[in-house]
Amino acid sequence: MANEETKVVEPTTNETPLSESEKEQVQEILQTNQELQQAFGNLAVRKINLEAQENQLKQQLSTNSQKETEFAQKIESKYGRGTLDVQKGVFIPSEQ
């Protein structure tokens, strides 16, 4: 048998290759981070939309409260002090 030389290839840097399992774990972590970042972005957009909707509802509530106050003043100036029975649709004057 001939004398065979075995060549060992040594890395020229201090790099140590990762195992396949380690590579998969790193990829899984990176993928999860990307998914979480996307979820946070989506959540931020939904939050902005909800805040805009909340502001819109607050404005509508304020407008409706103003209408209620104006209506109550109109009824009071027309019929005097009293209460409304919304069920019956009648005005009940206060006893004075």
PDB file of N, CA and C in Angstrom:
ATOM      1  N   MET A   1       0.822  -1.153   0.000  1.00  0.00           N
ATOM      2  CA  MET A   1       0.000   0.000   0.000  1.00  0.00           C
ATOM      3  C   MET A   1       0.877   1.230   0.000  1.00  0.00           C
ATOM      4  N   ALA A   2       0.466   2.201  -0.768  1.00  0.00           N
ATOM      5  CA  ALA A   2       1.258   3.418  -0.869  1.00  0.00           C
ATOM      6  C   ALA A   2       1.014   4.284   0.349  1.00  0.00           C
ATOM      7  N   ASN A   3       2.019   5.049   0.656  1.00  0.00           N
ATOM      8  CA  ASN A   3       1.939   5.938   1.792  1.00  0.00           C
ATOM      9  C   ASN A   3       1.079   7.134   1.386  1.00  0.00           C
ATOM     10  N   GLU A   4      -0.138   7.197   1.940  1.00  0.00           N
ATOM     11  CA  GLU A   4      -1.056   8.281   1.589  1.00  0.00           C
ATOM     12  C   GLU A   4      -0.964   9.373   2.628  1.00  0.00           C
ATOM     13  N   GLU A   5      -0.926  10.562   2.123  1.00  0.00           N
ATOM     14  CA  GLU A   5      -0.926  11.696   3.040  1.00  0.00           C
ATOM     15  C   GLU A   5      -2.363  12.144   3.238  1.00  0.00           C
ATOM     16  N   THR A   6      -2.724  12.342   4.461  1.00  0.00           N
ATOM     17  CA  THR A   6      -4.050  12.843   4.787  1.00  0.00           C
ATOM     18  C   THR A   6      -3.927  14.323   5.051  1.00  0.00           C
ATOM     19  N   LYS A   7      -4.673  15.080   4.254  1.00  0.00           N
ATOM     20  CA  LYS A   7      -4.647  16.513   4.441  1.00  0.00           C
ATOM     21  C   LYS A   7      -5.815  16.919   5.340  1.00  0.00           C
ATOM     22  N   VAL A   8      -5.491  17.662   6.328  1.00  0.00           N
ATOM     23  CA  VAL A   8      -6.515  18.198   7.217  1.00  0.00           C
ATOM     24  C   VAL A   8      -6.653  19.666   6.880  1.00  0.00           C
ATOM     25  N   VAL A   9      -7.872  20.046   6.542  1.00  0.00           N
ATOM     26  CA  VAL A   9      -8.122  21.445   6.216  1.00  0.00           C
ATOM     27  C   VAL A   9      -8.521  22.135   7.512  1.00  0.00           C
ATOM     28  N   GLU A  10      -7.703  23.039   7.908  1.00  0.00           N
ATOM     29  CA  GLU A  10      -7.976  23.776   9.127  1.00  0.00           C
ATOM     30  C   GLU A  10      -8.536  25.144   8.753  1.00  0.00           C
ATOM     31  N   PRO A  11      -9.525  25.565   9.508  1.00  0.00           N
ATOM     32  CA  PRO A  11     -10.083  26.897   9.228  1.00  0.00           C
ATOM     33  C   PRO A  11      -9.002  27.956   9.433  1.00  0.00           C
ATOM     34  N   THR A  12      -9.067  28.962   8.600  1.00  0.00           N
ATOM     35  CA  THR A  12      -8.072  30.018   8.691  1.00  0.00           C
ATOM     36  C   THR A  12      -8.479  31.096   9.684  1.00  0.00           C
ATOM     37  N   THR A  13      -9.706  31.027  10.178  1.00  0.00           N
ATOM     38  CA  THR A  13     -10.167  31.990  11.175  1.00  0.00           C
ATOM     39  C   THR A  13     -10.647  31.221  12.387  1.00  0.00           C
ATOM     40  N   ASN A  14     -11.154  31.959  13.343  1.00  0.00           N
ATOM     41  CA  ASN A  14     -11.661  31.327  14.557  1.00  0.00           C
ATOM     42  C   ASN A  14     -13.138  30.967  14.440  1.00  0.00           C
ATOM     43  N   GLU A  15     -13.633  30.776  13.227  1.00  0.00           N
ATOM     44  CA  GLU A  15     -15.032  30.447  13.005  1.00  0.00           C
ATOM     45  C   GLU A  15     -15.298  29.005  13.378  1.00  0.00           C
ATOM     46  N   THR A  16     -16.449  28.809  14.040  1.00  0.00           N
ATOM     47  CA  THR A  16     -16.889  27.457  14.364  1.00  0.00           C
ATOM     48  C   THR A  16     -18.255  27.276  13.736  1.00  0.00           C
ATOM     49  N   PRO A  17     -18.378  26.328  12.843  1.00  0.00           N
ATOM     50  CA  PRO A  17     -19.666  26.143  12.183  1.00  0.00           C
ATOM     51  C   PRO A  17     -20.735  25.677  13.170  1.00  0.00           C
ATOM     52  N   LEU A  18     -21.953  26.166  12.940  1.00  0.00           N
ATOM     53  CA  LEU A  18     -23.085  25.759  13.764  1.00  0.00           C
ATOM     54  C   LEU A  18     -23.627  24.432  13.256  1.00  0.00           C
ATOM     55  N   SER A  19     -24.208  23.688  14.154  1.00  0.00           N
ATOM     56  CA  SER A  19     -24.853  22.438  13.744  1.00  0.00           C
ATOM     57  C   SER A  19     -26.146  22.793  13.018  1.00  0.00           C
ATOM     58  N   GLU A  20     -26.696  21.836  12.314  1.00  0.00           N
ATOM     59  CA  GLU A  20     -27.948  22.051  11.604  1.00  0.00           C
ATOM     60  C   GLU A  20     -29.051  22.449  12.580  1.00  0.00           C
ATOM     61  N   SER A  21     -29.085  21.807  13.730  1.00  0.00           N
ATOM     62  CA  SER A  21     -30.082  22.122  14.751  1.00  0.00           C
ATOM     63  C   SER A  21     -29.946  23.569  15.220  1.00  0.00           C
ATOM     64  N   GLU A  22     -28.723  24.008  15.419  1.00  0.00           N
ATOM     65  CA  GLU A  22     -28.485  25.390  15.850  1.00  0.00           C
ATOM     66  C   GLU A  22     -28.888  26.388  14.767  1.00  0.00           C
ATOM     67  N   LYS A  23     -28.592  26.046  13.519  1.00  0.00           N
ATOM     68  CA  LYS A  23     -28.989  26.908  12.408  1.00  0.00           C
ATOM     69  C   LYS A  23     -30.511  27.027  12.341  1.00  0.00           C
ATOM     70  N   GLU A  24     -31.201  25.916  12.536  1.00  0.00           N
ATOM     71  CA  GLU A  24     -32.665  25.917  12.517  1.00  0.00           C
ATOM     72  C   GLU A  24     -33.217  26.769  13.655  1.00  0.00           C
ATOM     73  N   GLN A  25     -32.603  26.663  14.837  1.00  0.00           N
ATOM     74  CA  GLN A  25     -33.052  27.460  15.985  1.00  0.00           C
ATOM     75  C   GLN A  25     -32.887  28.951  15.723  1.00  0.00           C
ATOM     76  N   VAL A  26     -31.758  29.326  15.139  1.00  0.00           N
ATOM     77  CA  VAL A  26     -31.516  30.735  14.819  1.00  0.00           C
ATOM     78  C   VAL A  26     -32.555  31.225  13.812  1.00  0.00           C
ATOM     79  N   GLN A  27     -32.813  30.435  12.780  1.00  0.00           N
ATOM     80  CA  GLN A  27     -33.804  30.820  11.774  1.00  0.00           C
ATOM     81  C   GLN A  27     -35.192  30.957  12.399  1.00  0.00           C
ATOM     82  N   GLU A  28     -35.524  30.043  13.297  1.00  0.00           N
ATOM     83  CA  GLU A  28     -36.827  30.088  13.970  1.00  0.00           C
ATOM     84  C   GLU A  28     -36.950  31.364  14.815  1.00  0.00           C
ATOM     85  N   ILE A  29     -35.895  31.709  15.523  1.00  0.00           N
ATOM     86  CA  ILE A  29     -35.901  32.921  16.346  1.00  0.00           C
ATOM     87  C   ILE A  29     -36.051  34.159  15.468  1.00  0.00           C
ATOM     88  N   LEU A  30     -35.309  34.216  14.372  1.00  0.00           N
ATOM     89  CA  LEU A  30     -35.393  35.355  13.461  1.00  0.00           C
ATOM     90  C   LEU A  30     -36.789  35.468  12.844  1.00  0.00           C
ATOM     91  N   GLN A  31     -37.358  34.333  12.461  1.00  0.00           N
ATOM     92  CA  GLN A  31     -38.702  34.313  11.875  1.00  0.00           C
ATOM     93  C   GLN A  31     -39.730  34.805  12.891  1.00  0.00           C
ATOM     94  N   THR A  32     -39.603  34.345  14.129  1.00  0.00           N
ATOM     95  CA  THR A  32     -40.530  34.775  15.178  1.00  0.00           C
ATOM     96  C   THR A  32     -40.402  36.277  15.422  1.00  0.00           C
ATOM     97  N   ASN A  33     -39.178  36.793  15.433  1.00  0.00           N
ATOM     98  CA  ASN A  33     -38.968  38.233  15.608  1.00  0.00           C
ATOM     99  C   ASN A  33     -39.647  39.029  14.497  1.00  0.00           C
ATOM    100  N   GLN A  34     -39.531  38.563  13.263  1.00  0.00           N
ATOM    101  CA  GLN A  34     -40.175  39.245  12.141  1.00  0.00           C
ATOM    102  C   GLN A  34     -41.692  39.219  12.284  1.00  0.00           C
ATOM    103  N   GLU A  35     -42.229  38.078  12.685  1.00  0.00           N
ATOM    104  CA  GLU A  35     -43.674  37.961  12.869  1.00  0.00           C
ATOM    105  C   GLU A  35     -44.157  38.879  13.981  1.00  0.00           C
ATOM    106  N   LEU A  36     -43.381  38.956  15.064  1.00  0.00           N
ATOM    107  CA  LEU A  36     -43.751  39.827  16.178  1.00  0.00           C
ATOM    108  C   LEU A  36     -43.693  41.302  15.771  1.00  0.00           C
ATOM    109  N   GLN A  37     -42.682  41.673  15.017  1.00  0.00           N
ATOM    110  CA  GLN A  37     -42.579  43.054  14.551  1.00  0.00           C
ATOM    111  C   GLN A  37     -43.765  43.414  13.666  1.00  0.00           C
ATOM    112  N   GLN A  38     -44.151  42.496  12.809  1.00  0.00           N
ATOM    113  CA  GLN A  38     -45.295  42.733  11.939  1.00  0.00           C
ATOM    114  C   GLN A  38     -46.576  42.836  12.772  1.00  0.00           C
ATOM    115  N   ALA A  39     -46.712  41.969  13.769  1.00  0.00           N
ATOM    116  CA  ALA A  39     -47.896  42.007  14.632  1.00  0.00           C
ATOM    117  C   ALA A  39     -47.963  43.327  15.402  1.00  0.00           C
ATOM    118  N   PHE A  40     -46.820  43.791  15.907  1.00  0.00           N
ATOM    119  CA  PHE A  40     -46.789  45.073  16.610  1.00  0.00           C
ATOM    120  C   PHE A  40     -47.172  46.214  15.665  1.00  0.00           C
ATOM    121  N   GLY A  41     -46.696  46.154  14.446  1.00  0.00           N
ATOM    122  CA  GLY A  41     -47.055  47.177  13.455  1.00  0.00           C
ATOM    123  C   GLY A  41     -48.543  47.178  13.169  1.00  0.00           C
ATOM    124  N   ASN A  42     -49.105  45.988  12.983  1.00  0.00           N
ATOM    125  CA  ASN A  42     -50.544  45.876  12.741  1.00  0.00           C
ATOM    126  C   ASN A  42     -51.337  46.399  13.931  1.00  0.00           C
ATOM    127  N   LEU A  43     -50.857  46.069  15.124  1.00  0.00           N
ATOM    128  CA  LEU A  43     -51.528  46.526  16.339  1.00  0.00           C
ATOM    129  C   LEU A  43     -51.490  48.048  16.431  1.00  0.00           C
ATOM    130  N   ALA A  44     -50.365  48.642  16.093  1.00  0.00           N
ATOM    131  CA  ALA A  44     -50.244  50.100  16.135  1.00  0.00           C
ATOM    132  C   ALA A  44     -51.227  50.758  15.167  1.00  0.00           C
ATOM    133  N   VAL A  45     -51.379  50.189  13.992  1.00  0.00           N
ATOM    134  CA  VAL A  45     -52.319  50.736  13.009  1.00  0.00           C
ATOM    135  C   VAL A  45     -53.748  50.604  13.526  1.00  0.00           C
ATOM    136  N   ARG A  46     -54.086  49.439  14.089  1.00  0.00           N
ATOM    137  CA  ARG A  46     -55.432  49.253  14.648  1.00  0.00           C
ATOM    138  C   ARG A  46     -55.685  50.227  15.797  1.00  0.00           C
ATOM    139  N   LYS A  47     -54.653  50.446  16.610  1.00  0.00           N
ATOM    140  CA  LYS A  47     -54.782  51.377  17.734  1.00  0.00           C
ATOM    141  C   LYS A  47     -55.069  52.787  17.225  1.00  0.00           C
ATOM    142  N   ILE A  48     -54.360  53.205  16.191  1.00  0.00           N
ATOM    143  CA  ILE A  48     -54.587  54.527  15.602  1.00  0.00           C
ATOM    144  C   ILE A  48     -56.027  54.633  15.093  1.00  0.00           C
ATOM    145  N   ASN A  49     -56.493  53.587  14.413  1.00  0.00           N
ATOM    146  CA  ASN A  49     -57.861  53.588  13.897  1.00  0.00           C
ATOM    147  C   ASN A  49     -58.886  53.618  15.026  1.00  0.00           C
ATOM    148  N   LEU A  50     -58.625  52.873  16.090  1.00  0.00           N
ATOM    149  CA  LEU A  50     -59.547  52.868  17.235  1.00  0.00           C
ATOM    150  C   LEU A  50     -59.572  54.222  17.927  1.00  0.00           C
ATOM    151  N   GLU A  51     -58.425  54.862  18.045  1.00  0.00           N
ATOM    152  CA  GLU A  51     -58.378  56.186  18.661  1.00  0.00           C
ATOM    153  C   GLU A  51     -59.146  57.198  17.815  1.00  0.00           C
ATOM    154  N   ALA A  52     -59.025  57.093  16.499  1.00  0.00           N
ATOM    155  CA  ALA A  52     -59.771  57.989  15.612  1.00  0.00           C
ATOM    156  C   ALA A  52     -61.270  57.741  15.762  1.00  0.00           C
ATOM    157  N   GLN A  53     -61.652  56.469  15.852  1.00  0.00           N
ATOM    158  CA  GLN A  53     -63.060  56.123  16.037  1.00  0.00           C
ATOM    159  C   GLN A  53     -63.562  56.637  17.387  1.00  0.00           C
ATOM    160  N   GLU A  54     -62.729  56.502  18.427  1.00  0.00           N
ATOM    161  CA  GLU A  54     -63.105  56.992  19.750  1.00  0.00           C
ATOM    162  C   GLU A  54     -63.320  58.506  19.724  1.00  0.00           C
ATOM    163  N   ASN A  55     -62.425  59.229  19.069  1.00  0.00           N
ATOM    164  CA  ASN A  55     -62.568  60.686  18.970  1.00  0.00           C
ATOM    165  C   ASN A  55     -63.838  61.066  18.226  1.00  0.00           C
ATOM    166  N   GLN A  56     -64.153  60.313  17.197  1.00  0.00           N
ATOM    167  CA  GLN A  56     -65.368  60.561  16.423  1.00  0.00           C
ATOM    168  C   GLN A  56     -66.607  60.345  17.299  1.00  0.00           C
ATOM    169  N   LEU A  57     -66.602  59.260  18.084  1.00  0.00           N
ATOM    170  CA  LEU A  57     -67.734  58.981  18.964  1.00  0.00           C
ATOM    171  C   LEU A  57     -67.858  60.032  20.060  1.00  0.00           C
ATOM    172  N   LYS A  58     -66.740  60.505  20.587  1.00  0.00           N
ATOM    173  CA  LYS A  58     -66.774  61.567  21.594  1.00  0.00           C
ATOM    174  C   LYS A  58     -67.401  62.829  21.012  1.00  0.00           C
ATOM    175  N   GLN A  59     -67.043  63.147  19.778  1.00  0.00           N
ATOM    176  CA  GLN A  59     -67.609  64.328  19.128  1.00  0.00           C
ATOM    177  C   GLN A  59     -69.109  64.157  18.939  1.00  0.00           C
ATOM    178  N   GLN A  60     -69.530  62.978  18.522  1.00  0.00           N
ATOM    179  CA  GLN A  60     -70.957  62.715  18.336  1.00  0.00           C
ATOM    180  C   GLN A  60     -71.706  62.810  19.670  1.00  0.00           C
ATOM    181  N   LEU A  61     -71.094  62.301  20.729  1.00  0.00           N
ATOM    182  CA  LEU A  61     -71.706  62.380  22.056  1.00  0.00           C
ATOM    183  C   LEU A  61     -71.848  63.831  22.495  1.00  0.00           C
ATOM    184  N   SER A  62     -70.813  64.616  22.274  1.00  0.00           N
ATOM    185  CA  SER A  62     -70.854  66.029  22.625  1.00  0.00           C
ATOM    186  C   SER A  62     -71.953  66.751  21.848  1.00  0.00           C
ATOM    187  N   THR A  63     -72.044  66.477  20.563  1.00  0.00           N
ATOM    188  CA  THR A  63     -73.074  67.089  19.721  1.00  0.00           C
ATOM    189  C   THR A  63     -74.464  66.690  20.206  1.00  0.00           C
ATOM    190  N   ASN A  64     -74.631  65.413  20.542  1.00  0.00           N
ATOM    191  CA  ASN A  64     -75.934  64.939  21.001  1.00  0.00           C
ATOM    192  C   ASN A  64     -76.295  65.541  22.361  1.00  0.00           C
ATOM    193  N   SER A  65     -75.317  65.686  23.235  1.00  0.00           N
ATOM    194  CA  SER A  65     -75.566  66.309  24.539  1.00  0.00           C
ATOM    195  C   SER A  65     -75.987  67.759  24.365  1.00  0.00           C
ATOM    196  N   GLN A  66     -75.371  68.440  23.417  1.00  0.00           N
ATOM    197  CA  GLN A  66     -75.734  69.824  23.132  1.00  0.00           C
ATOM    198  C   GLN A  66     -77.174  69.898  22.615  1.00  0.00           C
ATOM    199  N   LYS A  67     -77.534  68.972  21.733  1.00  0.00           N
ATOM    200  CA  LYS A  67     -78.907  68.925  21.215  1.00  0.00           C
ATOM    201  C   LYS A  67     -79.897  68.687  22.359  1.00  0.00           C
ATOM    202  N   GLU A  68     -79.533  67.797  23.267  1.00  0.00           N
ATOM    203  CA  GLU A  68     -80.395  67.486  24.403  1.00  0.00           C
ATOM    204  C   GLU A  68     -80.617  68.734  25.265  1.00  0.00           C
ATOM    205  N   THR A  69     -79.540  69.448  25.543  1.00  0.00           N
ATOM    206  CA  THR A  69     -79.627  70.667  26.357  1.00  0.00           C
ATOM    207  C   THR A  69     -80.497  71.718  25.672  1.00  0.00           C
ATOM    208  N   GLU A  70     -80.277  71.916  24.374  1.00  0.00           N
ATOM    209  CA  GLU A  70     -81.061  72.896  23.619  1.00  0.00           C
ATOM    210  C   GLU A  70     -82.535  72.509  23.582  1.00  0.00           C
ATOM    211  N   PHE A  71     -82.809  71.216  23.425  1.00  0.00           N
ATOM    212  CA  PHE A  71     -84.195  70.750  23.399  1.00  0.00           C
ATOM    213  C   PHE A  71     -84.860  70.973  24.751  1.00  0.00           C
ATOM    214  N   ALA A  72     -84.143  70.649  25.831  1.00  0.00           N
ATOM    215  CA  ALA A  72     -84.690  70.828  27.178  1.00  0.00           C
ATOM    216  C   ALA A  72     -84.995  72.307  27.431  1.00  0.00           C
ATOM    217  N   GLN A  73     -84.115  73.184  26.998  1.00  0.00           N
ATOM    218  CA  GLN A  73     -84.356  74.618  27.166  1.00  0.00           C
ATOM    219  C   GLN A  73     -85.574  75.078  26.360  1.00  0.00           C
ATOM    220  N   LYS A  74     -85.711  74.557  25.163  1.00  0.00           N
ATOM    221  CA  LYS A  74     -86.843  74.900  24.295  1.00  0.00           C
ATOM    222  C   LYS A  74     -88.154  74.440  24.927  1.00  0.00           C
ATOM    223  N   ILE A  75     -88.169  73.217  25.435  1.00  0.00           N
ATOM    224  CA  ILE A  75     -89.382  72.673  26.069  1.00  0.00           C
ATOM    225  C   ILE A  75     -89.725  73.479  27.323  1.00  0.00           C
ATOM    226  N   GLU A  76     -88.702  73.803  28.102  1.00  0.00           N
ATOM    227  CA  GLU A  76     -88.934  74.564  29.338  1.00  0.00           C
ATOM    228  C   GLU A  76     -89.476  75.960  29.037  1.00  0.00           C
ATOM    229  N   SER A  77     -88.945  76.581  27.998  1.00  0.00           N
ATOM    230  CA  SER A  77     -89.447  77.920  27.661  1.00  0.00           C
ATOM    231  C   SER A  77     -90.875  77.853  27.109  1.00  0.00           C
ATOM    232  N   LYS A  78     -91.237  76.754  26.510  1.00  0.00           N
ATOM    233  CA  LYS A  78     -92.580  76.612  25.938  1.00  0.00           C
ATOM    234  C   LYS A  78     -93.603  76.162  26.982  1.00  0.00           C
ATOM    235  N   TYR A  79     -93.231  75.180  27.838  1.00  0.00           N
ATOM    236  CA  TYR A  79     -94.188  74.589  28.771  1.00  0.00           C
ATOM    237  C   TYR A  79     -93.898  74.919  30.239  1.00  0.00           C
ATOM    238  N   GLY A  80     -92.752  75.483  30.513  1.00  0.00           N
ATOM    239  CA  GLY A  80     -92.371  75.740  31.898  1.00  0.00           C
ATOM    240  C   GLY A  80     -91.550  74.567  32.436  1.00  0.00           C
ATOM    241  N   ARG A  81     -91.301  74.617  33.763  1.00  0.00           N
ATOM    242  CA  ARG A  81     -90.509  73.553  34.395  1.00  0.00           C
ATOM    243  C   ARG A  81     -91.339  72.271  34.481  1.00  0.00           C
ATOM    244  N   GLY A  82     -90.657  71.155  34.288  1.00  0.00           N
ATOM    245  CA  GLY A  82     -91.340  69.875  34.369  1.00  0.00           C
ATOM    246  C   GLY A  82     -90.458  68.756  33.864  1.00  0.00           C
ATOM    247  N   THR A  83     -91.083  67.653  33.601  1.00  0.00           N
ATOM    248  CA  THR A  83     -90.355  66.483  33.103  1.00  0.00           C
ATOM    249  C   THR A  83     -91.075  65.914  31.884  1.00  0.00           C
ATOM    250  N   LEU A  84     -90.344  65.148  31.129  1.00  0.00           N
ATOM    251  CA  LEU A  84     -90.915  64.471  29.972  1.00  0.00           C
ATOM    252  C   LEU A  84     -91.091  63.000  30.294  1.00  0.00           C
ATOM    253  N   ASP A  85     -92.236  62.453  29.922  1.00  0.00           N
ATOM    254  CA  ASP A  85     -92.438  61.006  29.979  1.00  0.00           C
ATOM    255  C   ASP A  85     -92.276  60.523  28.546  1.00  0.00           C
ATOM    256  N   VAL A  86     -91.101  60.002  28.261  1.00  0.00           N
ATOM    257  CA  VAL A  86     -90.780  59.597  26.893  1.00  0.00           C
ATOM    258  C   VAL A  86     -91.659  58.434  26.451  1.00  0.00           C
ATOM    259  N   GLN A  87     -91.994  57.544  27.382  1.00  0.00           N
ATOM    260  CA  GLN A  87     -92.848  56.391  27.051  1.00  0.00           C
ATOM    261  C   GLN A  87     -94.213  56.847  26.522  1.00  0.00           C
ATOM    262  N   LYS A  88     -94.810  57.805  27.236  1.00  0.00           N
ATOM    263  CA  LYS A  88     -96.136  58.288  26.855  1.00  0.00           C
ATOM    264  C   LYS A  88     -96.071  59.441  25.857  1.00  0.00           C
ATOM    265  N   GLY A  89     -94.911  60.082  25.784  1.00  0.00           N
ATOM    266  CA  GLY A  89     -94.777  61.226  24.880  1.00  0.00           C
ATOM    267  C   GLY A  89     -95.506  62.450  25.406  1.00  0.00           C
ATOM    268  N   VAL A  90     -95.415  62.669  26.735  1.00  0.00           N
ATOM    269  CA  VAL A  90     -96.110  63.798  27.331  1.00  0.00           C
ATOM    270  C   VAL A  90     -95.173  64.608  28.215  1.00  0.00           C
ATOM    271  N   PHE A  91     -95.582  65.877  28.443  1.00  0.00           N
ATOM    272  CA  PHE A  91     -94.871  66.762  29.357  1.00  0.00           C
ATOM    273  C   PHE A  91     -95.660  66.823  30.648  1.00  0.00           C
ATOM    274  N   ILE A  92     -94.970  66.692  31.771  1.00  0.00           N
ATOM    275  CA  ILE A  92     -95.615  66.748  33.071  1.00  0.00           C
ATOM    276  C   ILE A  92     -95.053  67.962  33.797  1.00  0.00           C
ATOM    277  N   PRO A  93     -95.891  68.994  34.034  1.00  0.00           N
ATOM    278  CA  PRO A  93     -95.403  70.190  34.694  1.00  0.00           C
ATOM    279  C   PRO A  93     -95.034  69.908  36.148  1.00  0.00           C
ATOM    280  N   SER A  94     -94.051  70.640  36.638  1.00  0.00           N
ATOM    281  CA  SER A  94     -93.662  70.539  38.047  1.00  0.00           C
ATOM    282  C   SER A  94     -94.697  71.287  38.882  1.00  0.00           C
ATOM    283  N   GLU A  95     -94.936  70.769  40.077  1.00  0.00           N
ATOM    284  CA  GLU A  95     -95.835  71.485  40.986  1.00  0.00           C
ATOM    285  C   GLU A  95     -95.075  72.655  41.570  1.00  0.00           C
ATOM    286  N   GLN A  96     -95.720  73.800  41.566  1.00  0.00           N
ATOM    287  CA  GLN A  96     -95.036  74.992  42.051  1.00  0.00           C
ATOM    288  C   GLN A  96     -95.642  75.508  43.309  1.00  0.00           C
TER     289      GLN A  96
END
